[in-house]
Amino acid sequence: MTVTVTLPSGEKYEGRLVRIDEFTVSVAETDGTTRSFRRDSDTIPKVDVHDPLKPHRELLGGYTDKDIHDVTAYLASLP
């Protein structure tokens, strides 16, 4: 996952997401520098997390036990 942190001044930091919680966000930049930012609210600083697997994780909650059973049965039937 990558992240873009935009400070109120407009300064942006981009890199690999190291950690995020209600209080801080940590970014590992491409040069190896790790920066941590205090989060004052949900919008300060602005944090955009880029997670390419997010759509797949959202789909997972929609599957029923029957759906998973049917997929497993189909895969087991393949030669």
PDB file of N, CA and C in Angstrom:
ATOM      1  N   MET A   1       0.829  -1.173   0.000  1.00  0.00           N
ATOM      2  CA  MET A   1       0.000   0.000   0.000  1.00  0.00           C
ATOM      3  C   MET A   1       0.876   1.239   0.000  1.00  0.00           C
ATOM      4  N   THR A   2       0.444   2.214  -0.723  1.00  0.00           N
ATOM      5  CA  THR A   2       1.135   3.491  -0.723  1.00  0.00           C
ATOM      6  C   THR A   2       0.206   4.550  -0.136  1.00  0.00           C
ATOM      7  N   VAL A   3       0.804   5.681   0.194  1.00  0.00           N
ATOM      8  CA  VAL A   3       0.029   6.742   0.830  1.00  0.00           C
ATOM      9  C   VAL A   3       0.578   8.095   0.394  1.00  0.00           C
ATOM     10  N   THR A   4      -0.319   9.064   0.318  1.00  0.00           N
ATOM     11  CA  THR A   4       0.061  10.457   0.092  1.00  0.00           C
ATOM     12  C   THR A   4      -0.448  11.258   1.281  1.00  0.00           C
ATOM     13  N   VAL A   5       0.456  11.958   1.943  1.00  0.00           N
ATOM     14  CA  VAL A   5       0.102  12.804   3.078  1.00  0.00           C
ATOM     15  C   VAL A   5       0.272  14.249   2.632  1.00  0.00           C
ATOM     16  N   THR A   6      -0.811  15.023   2.716  1.00  0.00           N
ATOM     17  CA  THR A   6      -0.768  16.431   2.335  1.00  0.00           C
ATOM     18  C   THR A   6      -0.963  17.274   3.588  1.00  0.00           C
ATOM     19  N   LEU A   7       0.052  18.065   3.912  1.00  0.00           N
ATOM     20  CA  LEU A   7       0.000  18.933   5.082  1.00  0.00           C
ATOM     21  C   LEU A   7      -0.857  20.166   4.788  1.00  0.00           C
ATOM     22  N   PRO A   8      -1.335  20.863   5.821  1.00  0.00           N
ATOM     23  CA  PRO A   8      -2.128  22.079   5.600  1.00  0.00           C
ATOM     24  C   PRO A   8      -1.401  23.119   4.739  1.00  0.00           C
ATOM     25  N   SER A   9      -0.076  23.116   4.765  1.00  0.00           N
ATOM     26  CA  SER A   9       0.712  24.060   3.961  1.00  0.00           C
ATOM     27  C   SER A   9       0.715  23.700   2.479  1.00  0.00           C
ATOM     28  N   GLY A  10       0.220  22.486   2.142  1.00  0.00           N
ATOM     29  CA  GLY A  10       0.224  22.029   0.758  1.00  0.00           C
ATOM     30  C   GLY A  10       1.382  21.098   0.438  1.00  0.00           C
ATOM     31  N   GLU A  11       2.329  20.987   1.359  1.00  0.00           N
ATOM     32  CA  GLU A  11       3.478  20.100   1.159  1.00  0.00           C
ATOM     33  C   GLU A  11       3.003  18.651   1.169  1.00  0.00           C
ATOM     34  N   LYS A  12       3.508  17.856   0.201  1.00  0.00           N
ATOM     35  CA  LYS A  12       3.080  16.464   0.071  1.00  0.00           C
ATOM     36  C   LYS A  12       4.250  15.510   0.303  1.00  0.00           C
ATOM     37  N   TYR A  13       3.924  14.390   0.931  1.00  0.00           N
ATOM     38  CA  TYR A  13       4.881  13.301   1.130  1.00  0.00           C
ATOM     39  C   TYR A  13       4.221  12.030   0.633  1.00  0.00           C
ATOM     40  N   GLU A  14       4.952  11.287  -0.205  1.00  0.00           N
ATOM     41  CA  GLU A  14       4.420  10.050  -0.777  1.00  0.00           C
ATOM     42  C   GLU A  14       5.386   8.914  -0.528  1.00  0.00           C
ATOM     43  N   GLY A  15       4.832   7.726  -0.369  1.00  0.00           N
ATOM     44  CA  GLY A  15       5.662   6.551  -0.197  1.00  0.00           C
ATOM     45  C   GLY A  15       4.862   5.367   0.284  1.00  0.00           C
ATOM     46  N   ARG A  16       5.592   4.361   0.770  1.00  0.00           N
ATOM     47  CA  ARG A  16       4.967   3.145   1.268  1.00  0.00           C
ATOM     48  C   ARG A  16       4.385   3.405   2.650  1.00  0.00           C
ATOM     49  N   LEU A  17       3.161   2.947   2.859  1.00  0.00           N
ATOM     50  CA  LEU A  17       2.515   3.104   4.156  1.00  0.00           C
ATOM     51  C   LEU A  17       3.163   2.160   5.157  1.00  0.00           C
ATOM     52  N   VAL A  18       3.703   2.713   6.227  1.00  0.00           N
ATOM     53  CA  VAL A  18       4.332   1.919   7.280  1.00  0.00           C
ATOM     54  C   VAL A  18       3.322   1.641   8.383  1.00  0.00           C
ATOM     55  N   ARG A  19       2.598   2.698   8.786  1.00  0.00           N
ATOM     56  CA  ARG A  19       1.637   2.555   9.876  1.00  0.00           C
ATOM     57  C   ARG A  19       0.623   3.682   9.803  1.00  0.00           C
ATOM     58  N   ILE A  20      -0.616   3.334  10.158  1.00  0.00           N
ATOM     59  CA  ILE A  20      -1.642   4.356  10.257  1.00  0.00           C
ATOM     60  C   ILE A  20      -2.598   3.964  11.377  1.00  0.00           C
ATOM     61  N   ASP A  21      -2.938   4.945  12.204  1.00  0.00           N
ATOM     62  CA  ASP A  21      -3.955   4.750  13.236  1.00  0.00           C
ATOM     63  C   ASP A  21      -4.632   6.093  13.472  1.00  0.00           C
ATOM     64  N   GLU A  22      -5.396   6.210  14.533  1.00  0.00           N
ATOM     65  CA  GLU A  22      -6.132   7.446  14.780  1.00  0.00           C
ATOM     66  C   GLU A  22      -5.217   8.625  15.111  1.00  0.00           C
ATOM     67  N   PHE A  23      -3.980   8.338  15.521  1.00  0.00           N
ATOM     68  CA  PHE A  23      -3.105   9.379  16.033  1.00  0.00           C
ATOM     69  C   PHE A  23      -1.934   9.735  15.121  1.00  0.00           C
ATOM     70  N   THR A  24      -1.433   8.782  14.362  1.00  0.00           N
ATOM     71  CA  THR A  24      -0.263   9.030  13.513  1.00  0.00           C
ATOM     72  C   THR A  24      -0.387   8.295  12.184  1.00  0.00           C
ATOM     73  N   VAL A  25       0.402   8.764  11.227  1.00  0.00           N
ATOM     74  CA  VAL A  25       0.589   8.063   9.962  1.00  0.00           C
ATOM     75  C   VAL A  25       2.084   8.115   9.669  1.00  0.00           C
ATOM     76  N   SER A  26       2.645   6.973   9.274  1.00  0.00           N
ATOM     77  CA  SER A  26       4.074   6.891   8.964  1.00  0.00           C
ATOM     78  C   SER A  26       4.254   6.472   7.512  1.00  0.00           C
ATOM     79  N   VAL A  27       5.174   7.164   6.838  1.00  0.00           N
ATOM     80  CA  VAL A  27       5.432   6.969   5.416  1.00  0.00           C
ATOM     81  C   VAL A  27       6.903   6.660   5.217  1.00  0.00           C
ATOM     82  N   ALA A  28       7.208   5.616   4.444  1.00  0.00           N
ATOM     83  CA  ALA A  28       8.591   5.322   4.049  1.00  0.00           C
ATOM     84  C   ALA A  28       8.772   5.848   2.628  1.00  0.00           C
ATOM     85  N   GLU A  29       9.601   6.874   2.487  1.00  0.00           N
ATOM     86  CA  GLU A  29       9.830   7.471   1.179  1.00  0.00           C
ATOM     87  C   GLU A  29      10.802   6.615   0.370  1.00  0.00           C
ATOM     88  N   THR A  30      10.886   6.878  -0.924  1.00  0.00           N
ATOM     89  CA  THR A  30      11.714   6.060  -1.812  1.00  0.00           C
ATOM     90  C   THR A  30      13.192   6.123  -1.464  1.00  0.00           C
ATOM     91  N   ASP A  31      13.643   7.199  -0.821  1.00  0.00           N
ATOM     92  CA  ASP A  31      15.063   7.306  -0.447  1.00  0.00           C
ATOM     93  C   ASP A  31      15.370   6.600   0.872  1.00  0.00           C
ATOM     94  N   GLY A  32      14.350   5.952   1.473  1.00  0.00           N
ATOM     95  CA  GLY A  32      14.554   5.220   2.710  1.00  0.00           C
ATOM     96  C   GLY A  32      14.182   5.999   3.962  1.00  0.00           C
ATOM     97  N   THR A  33      13.881   7.275   3.813  1.00  0.00           N
ATOM     98  CA  THR A  33      13.499   8.105   4.946  1.00  0.00           C
ATOM     99  C   THR A  33      12.097   7.733   5.410  1.00  0.00           C
ATOM    100  N   THR A  34      11.935   7.546   6.707  1.00  0.00           N
ATOM    101  CA  THR A  34      10.607   7.306   7.270  1.00  0.00           C
ATOM    102  C   THR A  34      10.165   8.564   7.997  1.00  0.00           C
ATOM    103  N   ARG A  35       8.989   9.029   7.658  1.00  0.00           N
ATOM    104  CA  ARG A  35       8.437  10.237   8.283  1.00  0.00           C
ATOM    105  C   ARG A  35       7.120   9.873   8.953  1.00  0.00           C
ATOM    106  N   SER A  36       6.910  10.445  10.126  1.00  0.00           N
ATOM    107  CA  SER A  36       5.661  10.246  10.863  1.00  0.00           C
ATOM    108  C   SER A  36       4.985  11.590  11.054  1.00  0.00           C
ATOM    109  N   PHE A  37       3.666  11.569  10.935  1.00  0.00           N
ATOM    110  CA  PHE A  37       2.879  12.789  11.069  1.00  0.00           C
ATOM    111  C   PHE A  37       1.783  12.566  12.093  1.00  0.00           C
ATOM    112  N   ARG A  38       1.605  13.550  12.964  1.00  0.00           N
ATOM    113  CA  ARG A  38       0.522  13.484  13.940  1.00  0.00           C
ATOM    114  C   ARG A  38      -0.777  13.834  13.232  1.00  0.00           C
ATOM    115  N   ARG A  39      -1.826  13.056  13.523  1.00  0.00           N
ATOM    116  CA  ARG A  39      -3.136  13.317  12.935  1.00  0.00           C
ATOM    117  C   ARG A  39      -3.986  14.050  13.960  1.00  0.00           C
ATOM    118  N   ASP A  40      -4.388  15.267  13.625  1.00  0.00           N
ATOM    119  CA  ASP A  40      -5.221  16.057  14.524  1.00  0.00           C
ATOM    120  C   ASP A  40      -6.695  15.732  14.350  1.00  0.00           C
ATOM    121  N   SER A  41      -7.055  15.243  13.164  1.00  0.00           N
ATOM    122  CA  SER A  41      -8.439  14.862  12.884  1.00  0.00           C
ATOM    123  C   SER A  41      -8.426  13.948  11.671  1.00  0.00           C
ATOM    124  N   ASP A  42      -9.615  13.611  11.172  1.00  0.00           N
ATOM    125  CA  ASP A  42      -9.688  12.762   9.983  1.00  0.00           C
ATOM    126  C   ASP A  42      -9.212  13.484   8.731  1.00  0.00           C
ATOM    127  N   THR A  43      -9.141  14.820   8.789  1.00  0.00           N
ATOM    128  CA  THR A  43      -8.784  15.580   7.591  1.00  0.00           C
ATOM    129  C   THR A  43      -7.476  16.358   7.700  1.00  0.00           C
ATOM    130  N   ILE A  44      -6.857  16.405   8.878  1.00  0.00           N
ATOM    131  CA  ILE A  44      -5.600  17.158   9.050  1.00  0.00           C
ATOM    132  C   ILE A  44      -4.542  16.234   9.634  1.00  0.00           C
ATOM    133  N   PRO A  45      -3.487  15.928   8.935  1.00  0.00           N
ATOM    134  CA  PRO A  45      -3.263  16.221   7.530  1.00  0.00           C
ATOM    135  C   PRO A  45      -4.147  15.323   6.654  1.00  0.00           C
ATOM    136  N   LYS A  46      -4.278  15.695   5.383  1.00  0.00           N
ATOM    137  CA  LYS A  46      -5.063  14.877   4.460  1.00  0.00           C
ATOM    138  C   LYS A  46      -4.257  13.623   4.135  1.00  0.00           C
ATOM    139  N   VAL A  47      -4.875  12.461   4.308  1.00  0.00           N
ATOM    140  CA  VAL A  47      -4.192  11.185   4.078  1.00  0.00           C
ATOM    141  C   VAL A  47      -4.973  10.411   3.022  1.00  0.00           C
ATOM    142  N   ASP A  48      -4.312  10.110   1.893  1.00  0.00           N
ATOM    143  CA  ASP A  48      -4.911   9.311   0.826  1.00  0.00           C
ATOM    144  C   ASP A  48      -4.161   7.984   0.751  1.00  0.00           C
ATOM    145  N   VAL A  49      -4.840   6.904   1.142  1.00  0.00           N
ATOM    146  CA  VAL A  49      -4.241   5.573   1.093  1.00  0.00           C
ATOM    147  C   VAL A  49      -4.607   4.949  -0.247  1.00  0.00           C
ATOM    148  N   HIS A  50      -3.609   4.429  -0.948  1.00  0.00           N
ATOM    149  CA  HIS A  50      -3.803   3.800  -2.249  1.00  0.00           C
ATOM    150  C   HIS A  50      -3.622   2.296  -2.067  1.00  0.00           C
ATOM    151  N   ASP A  51      -4.737   1.588  -1.978  1.00  0.00           N
ATOM    152  CA  ASP A  51      -4.720   0.147  -1.734  1.00  0.00           C
ATOM    153  C   ASP A  51      -5.291  -0.567  -2.956  1.00  0.00           C
ATOM    154  N   PRO A  52      -4.434  -1.179  -3.799  1.00  0.00           N
ATOM    155  CA  PRO A  52      -4.939  -1.828  -5.004  1.00  0.00           C
ATOM    156  C   PRO A  52      -5.821  -3.050  -4.720  1.00  0.00           C
ATOM    157  N   LEU A  53      -5.774  -3.594  -3.520  1.00  0.00           N
ATOM    158  CA  LEU A  53      -6.589  -4.766  -3.191  1.00  0.00           C
ATOM    159  C   LEU A  53      -7.922  -4.408  -2.538  1.00  0.00           C
ATOM    160  N   LYS A  54      -8.181  -3.129  -2.326  1.00  0.00           N
ATOM    161  CA  LYS A  54      -9.405  -2.708  -1.643  1.00  0.00           C
ATOM    162  C   LYS A  54     -10.677  -3.258  -2.296  1.00  0.00           C
ATOM    163  N   PRO A  55     -10.832  -3.189  -3.625  1.00  0.00           N
ATOM    164  CA  PRO A  55     -12.058  -3.745  -4.223  1.00  0.00           C
ATOM    165  C   PRO A  55     -12.236  -5.235  -3.939  1.00  0.00           C
ATOM    166  N   HIS A  56     -11.150  -5.967  -3.890  1.00  0.00           N
ATOM    167  CA  HIS A  56     -11.230  -7.403  -3.617  1.00  0.00           C
ATOM    168  C   HIS A  56     -11.644  -7.657  -2.165  1.00  0.00           C
ATOM    169  N   ARG A  57     -11.112  -6.870  -1.250  1.00  0.00           N
ATOM    170  CA  ARG A  57     -11.496  -7.016   0.162  1.00  0.00           C
ATOM    171  C   ARG A  57     -12.967  -6.688   0.374  1.00  0.00           C
ATOM    172  N   GLU A  58     -13.467  -5.688  -0.358  1.00  0.00           N
ATOM    173  CA  GLU A  58     -14.871  -5.326  -0.240  1.00  0.00           C
ATOM    174  C   GLU A  58     -15.777  -6.430  -0.776  1.00  0.00           C
ATOM    175  N   LEU A  59     -15.349  -7.125  -1.823  1.00  0.00           N
ATOM    176  CA  LEU A  59     -16.131  -8.234  -2.370  1.00  0.00           C
ATOM    177  C   LEU A  59     -16.234  -9.393  -1.390  1.00  0.00           C
ATOM    178  N   LEU A  60     -15.187  -9.613  -0.631  1.00  0.00           N
ATOM    179  CA  LEU A  60     -15.140 -10.755   0.279  1.00  0.00           C
ATOM    180  C   LEU A  60     -16.302 -10.763   1.260  1.00  0.00           C
ATOM    181  N   GLY A  61     -16.730  -9.600   1.728  1.00  0.00           N
ATOM    182  CA  GLY A  61     -17.837  -9.520   2.671  1.00  0.00           C
ATOM    183  C   GLY A  61     -19.185  -9.898   2.070  1.00  0.00           C
ATOM    184  N   GLY A  62     -19.284  -9.897   0.755  1.00  0.00           N
ATOM    185  CA  GLY A  62     -20.545 -10.206   0.093  1.00  0.00           C
ATOM    186  C   GLY A  62     -20.766 -11.680  -0.183  1.00  0.00           C
ATOM    187  N   TYR A  63     -19.740 -12.492  -0.036  1.00  0.00           N
ATOM    188  CA  TYR A  63     -19.872 -13.922  -0.309  1.00  0.00           C
ATOM    189  C   TYR A  63     -20.547 -14.642   0.847  1.00  0.00           C
ATOM    190  N   THR A  64     -21.433 -15.561   0.503  1.00  0.00           N
ATOM    191  CA  THR A  64     -22.083 -16.391   1.517  1.00  0.00           C
ATOM    192  C   THR A  64     -21.300 -17.689   1.672  1.00  0.00           C
ATOM    193  N   ASP A  65     -21.619 -18.444   2.714  1.00  0.00           N
ATOM    194  CA  ASP A  65     -20.986 -19.750   2.891  1.00  0.00           C
ATOM    195  C   ASP A  65     -21.284 -20.647   1.701  1.00  0.00           C
ATOM    196  N   LYS A  66     -22.487 -20.545   1.161  1.00  0.00           N
ATOM    197  CA  LYS A  66     -22.855 -21.359  -0.001  1.00  0.00           C
ATOM    198  C   LYS A  66     -21.993 -20.993  -1.208  1.00  0.00           C
ATOM    199  N   ASP A  67     -21.753 -19.699  -1.414  1.00  0.00           N
ATOM    200  CA  ASP A  67     -20.900 -19.280  -2.531  1.00  0.00           C
ATOM    201  C   ASP A  67     -19.512 -19.900  -2.420  1.00  0.00           C
ATOM    202  N   ILE A  68     -18.925 -19.832  -1.252  1.00  0.00           N
ATOM    203  CA  ILE A  68     -17.582 -20.393  -1.041  1.00  0.00           C
ATOM    204  C   ILE A  68     -17.604 -21.912  -1.213  1.00  0.00           C
ATOM    205  N   HIS A  69     -18.646 -22.562  -0.705  1.00  0.00           N
ATOM    206  CA  HIS A  69     -18.786 -24.017  -0.858  1.00  0.00           C
ATOM    207  C   HIS A  69     -18.871 -24.370  -2.338  1.00  0.00           C
ATOM    208  N   ASP A  70     -19.666 -23.625  -3.103  1.00  0.00           N
ATOM    209  CA  ASP A  70     -19.819 -23.912  -4.531  1.00  0.00           C
ATOM    210  C   ASP A  70     -18.506 -23.734  -5.291  1.00  0.00           C
ATOM    211  N   VAL A  71     -17.760 -22.704  -4.976  1.00  0.00           N
ATOM    212  CA  VAL A  71     -16.453 -22.489  -5.631  1.00  0.00           C
ATOM    213  C   VAL A  71     -15.491 -23.612  -5.284  1.00  0.00           C
ATOM    214  N   THR A  72     -15.472 -23.988  -4.007  1.00  0.00           N
ATOM    215  CA  THR A  72     -14.585 -25.075  -3.560  1.00  0.00           C
ATOM    216  C   THR A  72     -14.965 -26.385  -4.247  1.00  0.00           C
ATOM    217  N   ALA A  73     -16.252 -26.672  -4.322  1.00  0.00           N
ATOM    218  CA  ALA A  73     -16.711 -27.911  -4.984  1.00  0.00           C
ATOM    219  C   ALA A  73     -16.320 -27.898  -6.462  1.00  0.00           C
ATOM    220  N   TYR A  74     -16.450 -26.756  -7.109  1.00  0.00           N
ATOM    221  CA  TYR A  74     -16.064 -26.652  -8.518  1.00  0.00           C
ATOM    222  C   TYR A  74     -14.571 -26.891  -8.689  1.00  0.00           C
ATOM    223  N   LEU A  75     -13.752 -26.246  -7.867  1.00  0.00           N
ATOM    224  CA  LEU A  75     -12.306 -26.420  -7.969  1.00  0.00           C
ATOM    225  C   LEU A  75     -11.896 -27.858  -7.700  1.00  0.00           C
ATOM    226  N   ALA A  76     -12.565 -28.518  -6.759  1.00  0.00           N
ATOM    227  CA  ALA A  76     -12.248 -29.918  -6.430  1.00  0.00           C
ATOM    228  C   ALA A  76     -12.636 -30.844  -7.576  1.00  0.00           C
ATOM    229  N   SER A  77     -13.580 -30.437  -8.408  1.00  0.00           N
ATOM    230  CA  SER A  77     -14.030 -31.305  -9.512  1.00  0.00           C
ATOM    231  C   SER A  77     -13.135 -31.219 -10.735  1.00  0.00           C
ATOM    232  N   LEU A  78     -12.243 -30.222 -10.760  1.00  0.00           N
ATOM    233  CA  LEU A  78     -11.359 -30.079 -11.921  1.00  0.00           C
ATOM    234  C   LEU A  78     -10.323 -31.198 -11.946  1.00  0.00           C
ATOM    235  N   PRO A  79      -9.972 -31.633 -13.147  1.00  0.00           N
ATOM    236  CA  PRO A  79      -8.966 -32.725 -13.234  1.00  0.00           C
ATOM    237  C   PRO A  79      -7.581 -32.289 -12.838  1.00  0.00           C
TER     238      PRO A  79
END
